[in-house]
Amino acid sequence: MAHTSFLLAKQPVWRENRPGLRHHIPENIQSWIYESGSLTQRLRQRYGASVAVKILFHRWSAPSVSECRLLAVPEHRYALVREVMLHANGKPLLLARTIIPETTLKGVHRNLSHLGTRPLGGVIFSYPKLERLALDISVIAPAIWSESVVALAAINELIWGRRTVYAIAGRSMLVSEFFLPEIL
């Protein structure tokens, strides 16, 4: 794999969200995949202030070929890649991978590169010009994950995920979120 990831040993197979796909997704997962608001806010409503971010990977790196295509950026062009685990009192809830192209970080969105342990959702959902442009869905076998994340998040079953292309004032970013058994 040409790109670098703490989360993934291989690229998952993503399916574009199309009419009828929802019928193949278990009901308890549908509400998370199709959540239109901030997942961070939803987690905080459920778990309170104990929701925290653990940064797993944060650096300039080459996104995967499919990530580059979705973002319409040239392959091998570096972007800011941030991978995190959201947890409550140490219980893993959600894994996330964010790809932010350099052009998105220019200007008013520069603060996206300095989130630290603040959740991305808490920041981007405050932007008035946030748009959701595309949604893909995947179900990921344990063998796709890196050994490190399998141990960290105790992954031993299929994990559902979504990846969303967001645009803020016309500048795009890709957010992939993976729903761990604890939140389902």
N, C-alpha and C. Protein backbone atom coordinates (compact mmCIF):
# COMPACT_ATOMS: atom_id res chain seq x y z
N MET A 1 0.85 -1.17 0.00
CA MET A 1 0.00 0.00 0.00
C MET A 1 0.90 1.23 0.00
N ALA A 2 0.67 2.10 -0.96
CA ALA A 2 1.53 3.27 -1.12
C ALA A 2 1.28 4.31 -0.04
N HIS A 3 0.06 4.39 0.47
CA HIS A 3 -0.23 5.38 1.50
C HIS A 3 0.03 4.78 2.88
N THR A 4 -0.02 5.62 3.87
CA THR A 4 0.27 5.17 5.22
C THR A 4 -0.99 5.26 6.06
N SER A 5 -1.21 4.24 6.88
CA SER A 5 -2.37 4.22 7.76
C SER A 5 -2.04 3.42 9.01
N PHE A 6 -2.41 3.94 10.14
CA PHE A 6 -2.32 3.17 11.39
C PHE A 6 -3.49 2.20 11.46
N LEU A 7 -4.66 2.61 10.92
CA LEU A 7 -5.88 1.81 11.04
C LEU A 7 -5.91 0.59 10.14
N LEU A 8 -5.56 0.79 8.88
CA LEU A 8 -5.85 -0.21 7.86
C LEU A 8 -4.60 -0.86 7.30
N ALA A 9 -4.62 -2.19 7.22
CA ALA A 9 -3.54 -2.93 6.56
C ALA A 9 -3.80 -3.00 5.06
N LYS A 10 -5.09 -3.01 4.67
CA LYS A 10 -5.50 -3.04 3.26
C LYS A 10 -6.65 -2.08 3.11
N GLN A 11 -6.92 -1.68 1.87
CA GLN A 11 -8.07 -0.80 1.62
C GLN A 11 -9.36 -1.59 1.66
N PRO A 12 -10.36 -1.08 2.37
CA PRO A 12 -11.67 -1.73 2.35
C PRO A 12 -12.32 -1.58 0.97
N VAL A 13 -13.31 -2.42 0.70
CA VAL A 13 -14.12 -2.27 -0.51
C VAL A 13 -15.30 -1.39 -0.13
N TRP A 14 -15.41 -0.25 -0.80
CA TRP A 14 -16.47 0.70 -0.51
C TRP A 14 -17.55 0.60 -1.58
N ARG A 15 -18.80 0.74 -1.16
CA ARG A 15 -19.94 0.75 -2.08
C ARG A 15 -20.62 2.11 -2.00
N GLU A 16 -20.88 2.68 -3.16
CA GLU A 16 -21.56 3.96 -3.21
C GLU A 16 -22.97 3.79 -2.65
N ASN A 17 -23.40 4.75 -1.83
CA ASN A 17 -24.74 4.70 -1.27
C ASN A 17 -25.76 4.91 -2.38
N ARG A 18 -26.52 3.89 -2.66
CA ARG A 18 -27.54 3.93 -3.71
C ARG A 18 -28.87 3.47 -3.13
N PRO A 19 -29.99 3.85 -3.79
CA PRO A 19 -31.28 3.34 -3.32
C PRO A 19 -31.25 1.81 -3.25
N GLY A 20 -31.79 1.27 -2.18
CA GLY A 20 -31.81 -0.18 -2.00
C GLY A 20 -30.68 -0.72 -1.14
N LEU A 21 -29.56 0.00 -1.07
CA LEU A 21 -28.43 -0.48 -0.26
C LEU A 21 -28.81 -0.56 1.23
N ARG A 22 -29.60 0.38 1.67
CA ARG A 22 -30.02 0.45 3.09
C ARG A 22 -30.63 -0.88 3.55
N HIS A 23 -31.33 -1.58 2.65
CA HIS A 23 -32.00 -2.84 3.02
C HIS A 23 -31.01 -3.96 3.35
N HIS A 24 -29.74 -3.77 3.01
CA HIS A 24 -28.71 -4.78 3.28
C HIS A 24 -27.90 -4.45 4.54
N ILE A 25 -28.28 -3.38 5.21
CA ILE A 25 -27.55 -2.92 6.39
C ILE A 25 -28.40 -3.21 7.63
N PRO A 26 -27.84 -3.88 8.64
CA PRO A 26 -28.62 -4.14 9.87
C PRO A 26 -29.20 -2.84 10.44
N GLU A 27 -30.40 -2.95 10.99
CA GLU A 27 -31.11 -1.75 11.49
C GLU A 27 -30.32 -0.97 12.52
N ASN A 28 -29.64 -1.66 13.44
CA ASN A 28 -28.91 -0.95 14.50
C ASN A 28 -27.73 -0.15 13.94
N ILE A 29 -27.31 -0.45 12.73
CA ILE A 29 -26.18 0.26 12.11
C ILE A 29 -26.68 1.39 11.21
N GLN A 30 -27.87 1.23 10.64
CA GLN A 30 -28.42 2.24 9.73
C GLN A 30 -28.46 3.64 10.35
N SER A 31 -28.89 3.73 11.62
CA SER A 31 -29.01 5.07 12.21
C SER A 31 -27.66 5.76 12.36
N TRP A 32 -26.61 4.98 12.49
CA TRP A 32 -25.26 5.57 12.58
C TRP A 32 -24.75 5.94 11.19
N ILE A 33 -24.91 5.04 10.22
CA ILE A 33 -24.42 5.32 8.87
C ILE A 33 -25.13 6.52 8.26
N TYR A 34 -26.44 6.63 8.49
CA TYR A 34 -27.21 7.70 7.88
C TYR A 34 -27.41 8.90 8.80
N GLU A 35 -26.68 8.96 9.90
CA GLU A 35 -26.74 10.12 10.79
C GLU A 35 -26.32 11.36 10.01
N SER A 36 -27.17 12.38 9.99
CA SER A 36 -26.85 13.58 9.22
C SER A 36 -26.13 14.64 10.05
N GLY A 37 -26.20 14.51 11.36
CA GLY A 37 -25.53 15.48 12.23
C GLY A 37 -24.16 14.98 12.64
N SER A 38 -23.62 15.58 13.67
CA SER A 38 -22.29 15.25 14.19
C SER A 38 -22.34 13.96 15.01
N LEU A 39 -21.52 12.98 14.62
CA LEU A 39 -21.43 11.74 15.40
C LEU A 39 -20.88 12.04 16.80
N THR A 40 -19.97 13.00 16.88
CA THR A 40 -19.41 13.38 18.18
C THR A 40 -20.52 13.86 19.11
N GLN A 41 -21.39 14.71 18.59
CA GLN A 41 -22.49 15.22 19.41
C GLN A 41 -23.41 14.07 19.84
N ARG A 42 -23.69 13.15 18.94
CA ARG A 42 -24.54 12.00 19.27
C ARG A 42 -23.89 11.14 20.36
N LEU A 43 -22.57 10.93 20.24
CA LEU A 43 -21.86 10.15 21.26
C LEU A 43 -21.89 10.87 22.61
N ARG A 44 -21.73 12.19 22.58
CA ARG A 44 -21.74 12.95 23.84
C ARG A 44 -23.11 12.94 24.48
N GLN A 45 -24.18 12.90 23.68
CA GLN A 45 -25.53 12.81 24.25
C GLN A 45 -25.70 11.48 24.99
N ARG A 46 -25.02 10.47 24.50
CA ARG A 46 -25.15 9.13 25.08
C ARG A 46 -24.17 8.87 26.22
N TYR A 47 -22.92 9.32 26.04
CA TYR A 47 -21.85 8.99 27.00
C TYR A 47 -21.38 10.20 27.83
N GLY A 48 -21.90 11.38 27.51
CA GLY A 48 -21.54 12.57 28.26
C GLY A 48 -20.12 13.04 27.98
N ALA A 49 -19.57 13.70 28.98
CA ALA A 49 -18.24 14.32 28.84
C ALA A 49 -17.10 13.30 28.83
N SER A 50 -17.42 12.02 29.03
CA SER A 50 -16.34 11.02 29.04
C SER A 50 -15.85 10.70 27.62
N VAL A 51 -16.52 11.20 26.58
CA VAL A 51 -16.08 10.96 25.21
C VAL A 51 -14.78 11.73 24.97
N ALA A 52 -13.77 11.00 24.52
CA ALA A 52 -12.46 11.62 24.30
C ALA A 52 -11.86 11.09 22.99
N VAL A 53 -10.87 11.82 22.49
CA VAL A 53 -10.19 11.48 21.24
C VAL A 53 -8.78 11.00 21.55
N LYS A 54 -8.42 9.86 20.99
CA LYS A 54 -7.03 9.38 21.05
C LYS A 54 -6.48 9.48 19.64
N ILE A 55 -5.44 10.27 19.46
CA ILE A 55 -4.83 10.44 18.14
C ILE A 55 -3.93 9.23 17.87
N LEU A 56 -4.17 8.57 16.74
CA LEU A 56 -3.40 7.38 16.37
C LEU A 56 -2.38 7.69 15.28
N PHE A 57 -2.71 8.64 14.42
CA PHE A 57 -1.85 8.97 13.26
C PHE A 57 -2.22 10.37 12.84
N HIS A 58 -1.22 11.24 12.66
CA HIS A 58 -1.49 12.62 12.25
C HIS A 58 -0.26 13.14 11.52
N ARG A 59 -0.32 13.08 10.18
CA ARG A 59 0.83 13.60 9.42
C ARG A 59 0.46 13.77 7.95
N TRP A 60 1.34 14.45 7.24
CA TRP A 60 1.19 14.59 5.79
C TRP A 60 1.56 13.26 5.16
N SER A 61 0.66 12.74 4.34
CA SER A 61 0.85 11.42 3.76
C SER A 61 0.06 11.34 2.46
N ALA A 62 0.35 10.31 1.67
CA ALA A 62 -0.37 10.11 0.42
C ALA A 62 -1.64 9.31 0.68
N PRO A 63 -2.81 9.86 0.34
CA PRO A 63 -4.05 9.09 0.47
C PRO A 63 -4.06 7.92 -0.52
N SER A 64 -4.98 6.98 -0.32
CA SER A 64 -5.12 5.86 -1.25
C SER A 64 -5.64 6.36 -2.60
N VAL A 65 -5.54 5.51 -3.61
CA VAL A 65 -6.02 5.86 -4.95
C VAL A 65 -7.51 6.22 -4.91
N SER A 66 -8.31 5.39 -4.21
CA SER A 66 -9.76 5.67 -4.18
C SER A 66 -10.06 6.96 -3.42
N GLU A 67 -9.28 7.26 -2.39
CA GLU A 67 -9.47 8.52 -1.65
C GLU A 67 -9.12 9.71 -2.54
N CYS A 68 -8.04 9.60 -3.31
CA CYS A 68 -7.67 10.67 -4.24
C CYS A 68 -8.77 10.90 -5.28
N ARG A 69 -9.32 9.80 -5.81
CA ARG A 69 -10.39 9.93 -6.81
C ARG A 69 -11.61 10.64 -6.24
N LEU A 70 -12.02 10.24 -5.04
CA LEU A 70 -13.19 10.86 -4.42
C LEU A 70 -12.98 12.35 -4.18
N LEU A 71 -11.76 12.72 -3.82
CA LEU A 71 -11.45 14.12 -3.53
C LEU A 71 -11.02 14.90 -4.78
N ALA A 72 -10.88 14.20 -5.90
CA ALA A 72 -10.43 14.83 -7.15
C ALA A 72 -9.09 15.52 -6.97
N VAL A 73 -8.16 14.82 -6.30
CA VAL A 73 -6.79 15.32 -6.16
C VAL A 73 -5.85 14.34 -6.86
N PRO A 74 -4.73 14.84 -7.38
CA PRO A 74 -3.80 13.94 -8.07
C PRO A 74 -3.25 12.87 -7.13
N GLU A 75 -3.06 11.65 -7.68
CA GLU A 75 -2.45 10.59 -6.89
C GLU A 75 -1.04 11.01 -6.49
N HIS A 76 -0.61 10.53 -5.37
CA HIS A 76 0.73 10.81 -4.81
C HIS A 76 0.86 12.24 -4.30
N ARG A 77 -0.21 13.03 -4.33
CA ARG A 77 -0.19 14.37 -3.73
C ARG A 77 -0.45 14.19 -2.25
N TYR A 78 0.40 14.72 -1.42
CA TYR A 78 0.21 14.57 0.01
C TYR A 78 -0.98 15.37 0.50
N ALA A 79 -1.60 14.87 1.54
CA ALA A 79 -2.70 15.55 2.22
C ALA A 79 -2.49 15.31 3.71
N LEU A 80 -3.18 16.07 4.52
CA LEU A 80 -3.10 15.84 5.96
C LEU A 80 -4.00 14.64 6.27
N VAL A 81 -3.40 13.60 6.86
CA VAL A 81 -4.14 12.39 7.22
C VAL A 81 -4.17 12.31 8.74
N ARG A 82 -5.38 12.19 9.27
CA ARG A 82 -5.56 12.12 10.72
C ARG A 82 -6.43 10.91 11.03
N GLU A 83 -5.92 10.04 11.87
CA GLU A 83 -6.68 8.87 12.30
C GLU A 83 -6.80 8.91 13.81
N VAL A 84 -8.02 8.68 14.28
CA VAL A 84 -8.29 8.78 15.72
C VAL A 84 -9.22 7.67 16.17
N MET A 85 -9.26 7.48 17.47
CA MET A 85 -10.25 6.62 18.10
C MET A 85 -11.03 7.49 19.09
N LEU A 86 -12.34 7.48 18.97
CA LEU A 86 -13.17 8.10 19.99
C LEU A 86 -13.53 7.01 20.99
N HIS A 87 -13.42 7.34 22.27
CA HIS A 87 -13.70 6.36 23.31
C HIS A 87 -14.38 7.05 24.48
N ALA A 88 -15.02 6.26 25.31
CA ALA A 88 -15.63 6.76 26.54
C ALA A 88 -15.08 5.91 27.69
N ASN A 89 -14.37 6.55 28.58
CA ASN A 89 -13.75 5.85 29.72
C ASN A 89 -12.93 4.65 29.24
N GLY A 90 -12.21 4.82 28.14
CA GLY A 90 -11.35 3.77 27.62
C GLY A 90 -12.05 2.76 26.73
N LYS A 91 -13.38 2.77 26.64
CA LYS A 91 -14.10 1.84 25.77
C LYS A 91 -14.12 2.39 24.35
N PRO A 92 -13.53 1.67 23.39
CA PRO A 92 -13.50 2.15 22.01
C PRO A 92 -14.92 2.22 21.43
N LEU A 93 -15.25 3.38 20.83
CA LEU A 93 -16.57 3.59 20.25
C LEU A 93 -16.53 3.71 18.73
N LEU A 94 -15.53 4.43 18.24
CA LEU A 94 -15.50 4.81 16.83
C LEU A 94 -14.05 5.01 16.39
N LEU A 95 -13.74 4.53 15.20
CA LEU A 95 -12.44 4.84 14.58
C LEU A 95 -12.73 5.78 13.43
N ALA A 96 -11.83 6.72 13.18
CA ALA A 96 -12.05 7.67 12.09
C ALA A 96 -10.74 7.97 11.37
N ARG A 97 -10.87 8.16 10.05
CA ARG A 97 -9.73 8.53 9.19
C ARG A 97 -10.17 9.74 8.39
N THR A 98 -9.44 10.83 8.51
CA THR A 98 -9.77 12.07 7.81
C THR A 98 -8.64 12.43 6.86
N ILE A 99 -9.02 12.78 5.62
CA ILE A 99 -8.07 13.22 4.62
C ILE A 99 -8.42 14.67 4.28
N ILE A 100 -7.49 15.58 4.54
CA ILE A 100 -7.73 16.99 4.26
C ILE A 100 -6.68 17.48 3.25
N PRO A 101 -7.09 17.72 2.00
CA PRO A 101 -6.14 18.22 1.00
C PRO A 101 -5.59 19.60 1.41
N GLU A 102 -4.41 19.89 0.92
CA GLU A 102 -3.75 21.16 1.24
C GLU A 102 -4.62 22.36 0.87
N THR A 103 -5.31 22.28 -0.27
CA THR A 103 -6.14 23.42 -0.70
C THR A 103 -7.28 23.70 0.29
N THR A 104 -7.76 22.68 0.96
CA THR A 104 -8.83 22.85 1.95
C THR A 104 -8.30 23.57 3.19
N LEU A 105 -7.03 23.32 3.51
CA LEU A 105 -6.44 23.92 4.71
C LEU A 105 -6.07 25.39 4.53
N LYS A 106 -5.98 25.84 3.30
CA LYS A 106 -5.59 27.23 3.06
C LYS A 106 -6.67 28.18 3.57
N GLY A 107 -6.25 29.30 4.08
CA GLY A 107 -7.20 30.33 4.47
C GLY A 107 -7.91 30.02 5.77
N VAL A 108 -9.23 30.19 5.76
CA VAL A 108 -10.00 30.13 7.01
C VAL A 108 -10.07 28.74 7.62
N HIS A 109 -9.70 27.70 6.88
CA HIS A 109 -9.80 26.35 7.42
C HIS A 109 -8.48 25.82 7.95
N ARG A 110 -7.51 26.71 8.13
CA ARG A 110 -6.20 26.32 8.63
C ARG A 110 -6.31 25.65 10.00
N ASN A 111 -7.31 26.04 10.80
CA ASN A 111 -7.46 25.45 12.13
C ASN A 111 -7.75 23.95 12.09
N LEU A 112 -8.16 23.42 10.94
CA LEU A 112 -8.41 21.98 10.83
C LEU A 112 -7.13 21.16 10.98
N SER A 113 -5.97 21.80 10.75
CA SER A 113 -4.71 21.07 10.90
C SER A 113 -4.20 21.09 12.34
N HIS A 114 -4.88 21.82 13.21
CA HIS A 114 -4.44 21.96 14.60
C HIS A 114 -5.54 21.55 15.57
N LEU A 115 -6.22 20.45 15.30
CA LEU A 115 -7.33 20.02 16.15
C LEU A 115 -6.86 19.44 17.48
N GLY A 116 -5.67 18.85 17.47
CA GLY A 116 -5.22 18.17 18.69
C GLY A 116 -6.21 17.09 19.06
N THR A 117 -6.63 17.05 20.32
CA THR A 117 -7.57 16.02 20.76
C THR A 117 -9.03 16.48 20.66
N ARG A 118 -9.27 17.60 19.97
CA ARG A 118 -10.67 18.00 19.73
C ARG A 118 -11.23 17.16 18.59
N PRO A 119 -12.46 16.69 18.70
CA PRO A 119 -13.06 15.92 17.61
C PRO A 119 -13.33 16.81 16.39
N LEU A 120 -13.08 16.27 15.22
CA LEU A 120 -13.32 16.99 13.97
C LEU A 120 -14.77 17.43 13.85
N GLY A 121 -15.71 16.53 14.20
CA GLY A 121 -17.13 16.84 14.07
C GLY A 121 -17.55 18.07 14.84
N GLY A 122 -16.94 18.28 16.00
CA GLY A 122 -17.26 19.46 16.80
C GLY A 122 -16.87 20.75 16.11
N VAL A 123 -15.92 20.67 15.18
CA VAL A 123 -15.45 21.85 14.47
C VAL A 123 -16.21 22.02 13.15
N ILE A 124 -16.23 20.98 12.31
CA ILE A 124 -16.80 21.18 10.97
C ILE A 124 -18.31 21.41 10.99
N PHE A 125 -19.02 20.85 11.97
CA PHE A 125 -20.46 21.07 12.01
C PHE A 125 -20.82 22.46 12.51
N SER A 126 -19.82 23.24 12.91
CA SER A 126 -20.08 24.64 13.28
C SER A 126 -19.98 25.56 12.05
N TYR A 127 -19.45 25.04 10.94
CA TYR A 127 -19.34 25.86 9.72
C TYR A 127 -20.69 25.97 9.03
N PRO A 128 -21.12 27.19 8.71
CA PRO A 128 -22.43 27.35 8.07
C PRO A 128 -22.47 26.81 6.63
N LYS A 129 -21.34 26.72 5.97
CA LYS A 129 -21.33 26.29 4.57
C LYS A 129 -20.88 24.85 4.39
N LEU A 130 -21.15 24.00 5.39
CA LEU A 130 -20.78 22.58 5.32
C LEU A 130 -21.79 21.84 4.44
N GLU A 131 -21.28 21.09 3.45
CA GLU A 131 -22.13 20.29 2.57
C GLU A 131 -21.64 18.85 2.58
N ARG A 132 -22.57 17.92 2.46
CA ARG A 132 -22.24 16.50 2.31
C ARG A 132 -22.39 16.18 0.83
N LEU A 133 -21.29 15.78 0.16
CA LEU A 133 -21.31 15.58 -1.28
C LEU A 133 -21.46 14.12 -1.70
N ALA A 134 -20.93 13.19 -0.91
CA ALA A 134 -20.97 11.78 -1.29
C ALA A 134 -20.90 10.92 -0.04
N LEU A 135 -21.48 9.72 -0.13
CA LEU A 135 -21.45 8.77 0.98
C LEU A 135 -21.22 7.38 0.41
N ASP A 136 -20.19 6.70 0.94
CA ASP A 136 -19.90 5.30 0.60
C ASP A 136 -20.01 4.49 1.88
N ILE A 137 -20.29 3.19 1.71
CA ILE A 137 -20.49 2.31 2.85
C ILE A 137 -19.63 1.06 2.67
N SER A 138 -19.12 0.53 3.79
CA SER A 138 -18.31 -0.68 3.73
C SER A 138 -18.58 -1.52 4.97
N VAL A 139 -18.34 -2.81 4.83
CA VAL A 139 -18.31 -3.69 5.99
C VAL A 139 -16.94 -4.36 5.94
N ILE A 140 -16.21 -4.27 7.05
CA ILE A 140 -14.78 -4.56 7.03
C ILE A 140 -14.45 -5.73 7.95
N ALA A 141 -13.80 -6.72 7.36
CA ALA A 141 -13.39 -7.92 8.10
C ALA A 141 -12.16 -7.61 8.96
N PRO A 142 -11.97 -8.35 10.05
CA PRO A 142 -10.81 -8.11 10.91
C PRO A 142 -9.47 -8.12 10.16
N ALA A 143 -9.34 -8.93 9.10
CA ALA A 143 -8.07 -9.03 8.37
C ALA A 143 -7.68 -7.74 7.64
N ILE A 144 -8.63 -6.84 7.43
CA ILE A 144 -8.34 -5.57 6.73
C ILE A 144 -7.64 -4.57 7.66
N TRP A 145 -7.91 -4.67 8.95
CA TRP A 145 -7.35 -3.74 9.93
C TRP A 145 -5.88 -4.05 10.20
N SER A 146 -5.13 -3.07 10.64
CA SER A 146 -3.74 -3.30 11.06
C SER A 146 -3.76 -4.09 12.38
N GLU A 147 -2.71 -4.82 12.62
CA GLU A 147 -2.60 -5.58 13.88
C GLU A 147 -2.69 -4.65 15.09
N SER A 148 -2.11 -3.47 14.95
CA SER A 148 -2.11 -2.51 16.07
C SER A 148 -3.52 -2.10 16.46
N VAL A 149 -4.35 -1.80 15.46
CA VAL A 149 -5.71 -1.34 15.76
C VAL A 149 -6.61 -2.51 16.19
N VAL A 150 -6.36 -3.71 15.69
CA VAL A 150 -7.11 -4.89 16.14
C VAL A 150 -6.90 -5.07 17.64
N ALA A 151 -5.67 -4.91 18.09
CA ALA A 151 -5.36 -5.04 19.52
C ALA A 151 -5.95 -3.87 20.32
N LEU A 152 -5.78 -2.66 19.83
CA LEU A 152 -6.23 -1.46 20.53
C LEU A 152 -7.75 -1.44 20.71
N ALA A 153 -8.49 -1.78 19.64
CA ALA A 153 -9.96 -1.68 19.67
C ALA A 153 -10.64 -3.04 19.86
N ALA A 154 -9.85 -4.09 20.08
CA ALA A 154 -10.38 -5.44 20.29
C ALA A 154 -11.34 -5.85 19.16
N ILE A 155 -10.88 -5.68 17.92
CA ILE A 155 -11.71 -6.00 16.75
C ILE A 155 -11.64 -7.50 16.48
N ASN A 156 -12.81 -8.16 16.54
CA ASN A 156 -12.85 -9.59 16.25
C ASN A 156 -14.12 -9.96 15.47
N GLU A 157 -14.73 -8.96 14.83
CA GLU A 157 -15.94 -9.19 14.04
C GLU A 157 -16.00 -8.17 12.90
N LEU A 158 -16.98 -8.31 12.03
CA LEU A 158 -17.16 -7.36 10.95
C LEU A 158 -17.50 -5.98 11.52
N ILE A 159 -16.91 -4.95 10.94
CA ILE A 159 -17.14 -3.57 11.38
C ILE A 159 -17.70 -2.79 10.20
N TRP A 160 -18.82 -2.12 10.43
CA TRP A 160 -19.42 -1.27 9.39
C TRP A 160 -18.79 0.10 9.43
N GLY A 161 -18.68 0.70 8.25
CA GLY A 161 -18.13 2.04 8.17
C GLY A 161 -18.79 2.85 7.07
N ARG A 162 -18.59 4.14 7.16
CA ARG A 162 -19.05 5.04 6.11
C ARG A 162 -17.91 6.01 5.81
N ARG A 163 -17.87 6.48 4.57
CA ARG A 163 -16.94 7.56 4.27
C ARG A 163 -17.72 8.63 3.53
N THR A 164 -17.50 9.85 3.97
CA THR A 164 -18.27 10.98 3.51
C THR A 164 -17.34 12.04 2.96
N VAL A 165 -17.66 12.55 1.77
CA VAL A 165 -16.97 13.72 1.25
C VAL A 165 -17.76 14.93 1.71
N TYR A 166 -17.11 15.77 2.50
CA TYR A 166 -17.70 17.03 2.95
C TYR A 166 -17.03 18.16 2.19
N ALA A 167 -17.75 19.25 2.02
CA ALA A 167 -17.15 20.46 1.47
C ALA A 167 -17.51 21.61 2.39
N ILE A 168 -16.53 22.44 2.64
CA ILE A 168 -16.73 23.67 3.39
C ILE A 168 -16.40 24.81 2.44
N ALA A 169 -17.40 25.59 2.12
CA ALA A 169 -17.24 26.68 1.15
C ALA A 169 -16.57 26.17 -0.13
N GLY A 170 -16.99 24.98 -0.58
CA GLY A 170 -16.50 24.43 -1.84
C GLY A 170 -15.18 23.69 -1.76
N ARG A 171 -14.57 23.61 -0.60
CA ARG A 171 -13.29 22.89 -0.46
C ARG A 171 -13.55 21.57 0.27
N SER A 172 -13.07 20.48 -0.33
CA SER A 172 -13.49 19.15 0.15
C SER A 172 -12.50 18.50 1.12
N MET A 173 -13.05 17.54 1.86
CA MET A 173 -12.29 16.66 2.75
C MET A 173 -13.04 15.34 2.81
N LEU A 174 -12.34 14.29 3.19
CA LEU A 174 -12.94 12.96 3.26
C LEU A 174 -12.85 12.46 4.70
N VAL A 175 -13.98 12.03 5.23
CA VAL A 175 -14.03 11.52 6.60
C VAL A 175 -14.59 10.10 6.56
N SER A 176 -13.77 9.13 6.98
CA SER A 176 -14.21 7.73 7.08
C SER A 176 -14.40 7.42 8.56
N GLU A 177 -15.57 6.84 8.88
CA GLU A 177 -15.89 6.53 10.27
C GLU A 177 -16.30 5.07 10.37
N PHE A 178 -15.81 4.40 11.41
CA PHE A 178 -16.03 2.97 11.58
C PHE A 178 -16.65 2.75 12.96
N PHE A 179 -17.80 2.06 12.97
CA PHE A 179 -18.63 1.94 14.16
C PHE A 179 -18.30 0.66 14.92
N LEU A 180 -17.69 0.84 16.09
CA LEU A 180 -17.27 -0.31 16.89
C LEU A 180 -18.46 -0.87 17.68
N PRO A 181 -18.41 -2.15 18.03
CA PRO A 181 -19.57 -2.83 18.64
C PRO A 181 -20.15 -2.12 19.87
N GLU A 182 -19.33 -1.46 20.65
CA GLU A 182 -19.81 -0.80 21.88
C GLU A 182 -20.94 0.20 21.61
N ILE A 183 -20.90 0.93 20.50
CA ILE A 183 -21.94 1.95 20.27
C ILE A 183 -23.19 1.37 19.63
N LEU A 184 -23.12 0.14 19.15
CA LEU A 184 -24.29 -0.43 18.48
C LEU A 184 -25.24 -1.06 19.49
